[in-house]
Amino acid sequence: MADEEIELVAGRMSGRGPWVLRVEDSGKELRITWNEGKHPGTLTFFGPGSGGGKEFHNDNRTRETISVTGPGYLLLDADHWTLESC
């Protein structure tokens, strides 16, 4: 799959199940709400030099705010998720 075929993170987004998004800007802050705030989900960031990816999640949190350090890909996995790019 070509990069252009993977949806770019922009504004407010939502989805269901495992989903891959592309990030182009470094220093971007992302706010994620998992499963309408009812139970946690999983986010993994894959960037140049990140190897197997860096996981961002906490078993006790239904909301996360992360800073993305560079271009790469996000794998979000939850029954339902919303993401806001700031």
C-alpha atoms as a PDB file:
ATOM      1  CA  MET A   1       0.000   0.000   0.000  1.00  0.00           C
ATOM      2  CA  ALA A   2       1.375   3.421  -0.965  1.00  0.00           C
ATOM      3  CA  ASP A   3       1.666   6.207   1.622  1.00  0.00           C
ATOM      4  CA  GLU A   4      -0.925   8.277  -0.246  1.00  0.00           C
ATOM      5  CA  GLU A   5      -3.496   5.509   0.294  1.00  0.00           C
ATOM      6  CA  ILE A   6      -3.190   5.717   4.097  1.00  0.00           C
ATOM      7  CA  GLU A   7      -5.392   8.396   5.639  1.00  0.00           C
ATOM      8  CA  LEU A   8      -3.480  11.417   6.956  1.00  0.00           C
ATOM      9  CA  VAL A   9      -4.083  12.568  10.550  1.00  0.00           C
ATOM     10  CA  ALA A  10      -5.938  15.879  10.338  1.00  0.00           C
ATOM     11  CA  GLY A  11      -8.440  17.668  12.569  1.00  0.00           C
ATOM     12  CA  ARG A  12     -10.995  15.521  14.374  1.00  0.00           C
ATOM     13  CA  MET A  13     -11.376  11.906  13.270  1.00  0.00           C
ATOM     14  CA  SER A  14     -13.102   8.752  14.479  1.00  0.00           C
ATOM     15  CA  GLY A  15     -13.189   5.081  13.616  1.00  0.00           C
ATOM     16  CA  ARG A  16     -13.823   1.527  14.742  1.00  0.00           C
ATOM     17  CA  GLY A  17     -11.528  -1.460  15.170  1.00  0.00           C
ATOM     18  CA  PRO A  18      -7.883  -1.510  14.159  1.00  0.00           C
ATOM     19  CA  TRP A  19      -7.041   1.474  11.957  1.00  0.00           C
ATOM     20  CA  VAL A  20      -3.803   2.840  10.499  1.00  0.00           C
ATOM     21  CA  LEU A  21      -3.229   6.578  10.053  1.00  0.00           C
ATOM     22  CA  ARG A  22      -0.271   8.481   8.631  1.00  0.00           C
ATOM     23  CA  VAL A  23       1.462  11.378  10.447  1.00  0.00           C
ATOM     24  CA  GLU A  24       3.647  13.787   8.478  1.00  0.00           C
ATOM     25  CA  ASP A  25       4.382  16.570  10.988  1.00  0.00           C
ATOM     26  CA  SER A  26       6.687  16.324  13.961  1.00  0.00           C
ATOM     27  CA  GLY A  27       5.680  17.858  17.255  1.00  0.00           C
ATOM     28  CA  LYS A  28       1.990  17.177  16.641  1.00  0.00           C
ATOM     29  CA  GLU A  29      -0.129  16.652  19.756  1.00  0.00           C
ATOM     30  CA  LEU A  30      -2.891  14.055  19.532  1.00  0.00           C
ATOM     31  CA  ARG A  31      -5.816  13.600  21.908  1.00  0.00           C
ATOM     32  CA  ILE A  32      -7.448  10.189  21.781  1.00  0.00           C
ATOM     33  CA  THR A  33     -10.630   8.996  23.482  1.00  0.00           C
ATOM     34  CA  TRP A  34     -11.115   5.252  23.612  1.00  0.00           C
ATOM     35  CA  ASN A  35     -14.516   3.555  23.449  1.00  0.00           C
ATOM     36  CA  GLU A  36     -16.452   6.734  24.284  1.00  0.00           C
ATOM     37  CA  GLY A  37     -14.524   6.980  27.575  1.00  0.00           C
ATOM     38  CA  LYS A  38     -15.737   3.578  28.813  1.00  0.00           C
ATOM     39  CA  HIS A  39     -12.594   1.406  28.548  1.00  0.00           C
ATOM     40  CA  PRO A  40      -9.005   1.718  27.227  1.00  0.00           C
ATOM     41  CA  GLY A  41      -7.681   1.017  23.750  1.00  0.00           C
ATOM     42  CA  THR A  42      -4.202   0.698  22.250  1.00  0.00           C
ATOM     43  CA  LEU A  43      -2.122   3.096  20.155  1.00  0.00           C
ATOM     44  CA  THR A  44       1.210   2.159  18.581  1.00  0.00           C
ATOM     45  CA  PHE A  45       3.430   4.645  16.724  1.00  0.00           C
ATOM     46  CA  PHE A  46       5.787   3.402  14.025  1.00  0.00           C
ATOM     47  CA  GLY A  47       8.372   5.934  12.893  1.00  0.00           C
ATOM     48  CA  PRO A  48      11.743   5.892  11.193  1.00  0.00           C
ATOM     49  CA  GLY A  49      14.170   4.153  13.499  1.00  0.00           C
ATOM     50  CA  SER A  50      11.473   3.108  15.987  1.00  0.00           C
ATOM     51  CA  GLY A  51      11.990  -0.578  15.282  1.00  0.00           C
ATOM     52  CA  GLY A  52       8.948  -2.564  16.350  1.00  0.00           C
ATOM     53  CA  GLY A  53       6.976   0.549  17.271  1.00  0.00           C
ATOM     54  CA  LYS A  54       6.310   2.448  20.471  1.00  0.00           C
ATOM     55  CA  GLU A  55       3.132   1.651  22.362  1.00  0.00           C
ATOM     56  CA  PHE A  56       1.151   4.446  24.026  1.00  0.00           C
ATOM     57  CA  HIS A  57      -1.574   3.189  26.316  1.00  0.00           C
ATOM     58  CA  ASN A  58      -2.408   2.703  29.934  1.00  0.00           C
ATOM     59  CA  ASP A  59      -4.788   0.012  31.142  1.00  0.00           C
ATOM     60  CA  ASN A  60      -6.488   2.544  33.422  1.00  0.00           C
ATOM     61  CA  ARG A  61      -6.951   5.413  30.938  1.00  0.00           C
ATOM     62  CA  THR A  62      -9.790   5.965  28.513  1.00  0.00           C
ATOM     63  CA  ARG A  63      -8.227   9.188  27.212  1.00  0.00           C
ATOM     64  CA  GLU A  64      -4.643   9.822  26.084  1.00  0.00           C
ATOM     65  CA  THR A  65      -2.708  12.894  24.944  1.00  0.00           C
ATOM     66  CA  ILE A  66       0.562  12.188  23.178  1.00  0.00           C
ATOM     67  CA  SER A  67       3.146  14.186  21.257  1.00  0.00           C
ATOM     68  CA  VAL A  68       4.314  12.611  18.018  1.00  0.00           C
ATOM     69  CA  THR A  69       8.033  13.171  17.469  1.00  0.00           C
ATOM     70  CA  GLY A  70       8.128  12.837  13.696  1.00  0.00           C
ATOM     71  CA  PRO A  71       6.571  11.355  10.601  1.00  0.00           C
ATOM     72  CA  GLY A  72       5.289   7.796  10.796  1.00  0.00           C
ATOM     73  CA  TYR A  73       2.207   5.665  11.237  1.00  0.00           C
ATOM     74  CA  LEU A  74      -0.311   5.229  14.039  1.00  0.00           C
ATOM     75  CA  LEU A  75      -2.081   1.958  14.688  1.00  0.00           C
ATOM     76  CA  LEU A  76      -5.213   2.572  16.784  1.00  0.00           C
ATOM     77  CA  ASP A  77      -7.049  -0.442  18.124  1.00  0.00           C
ATOM     78  CA  ALA A  78     -10.377  -0.118  19.963  1.00  0.00           C
ATOM     79  CA  ASP A  79     -14.045  -0.847  19.427  1.00  0.00           C
ATOM     80  CA  HIS A  80     -14.436   2.903  18.853  1.00  0.00           C
ATOM     81  CA  TRP A  81     -11.938   5.751  18.990  1.00  0.00           C
ATOM     82  CA  THR A  82     -11.888   9.507  18.386  1.00  0.00           C
ATOM     83  CA  LEU A  83      -8.732  11.470  17.710  1.00  0.00           C
ATOM     84  CA  GLU A  84      -8.122  15.214  17.634  1.00  0.00           C
ATOM     85  CA  SER A  85      -4.966  16.655  16.141  1.00  0.00           C
ATOM     86  CA  CYS A  86      -3.744  19.892  17.768  1.00  0.00           C
END
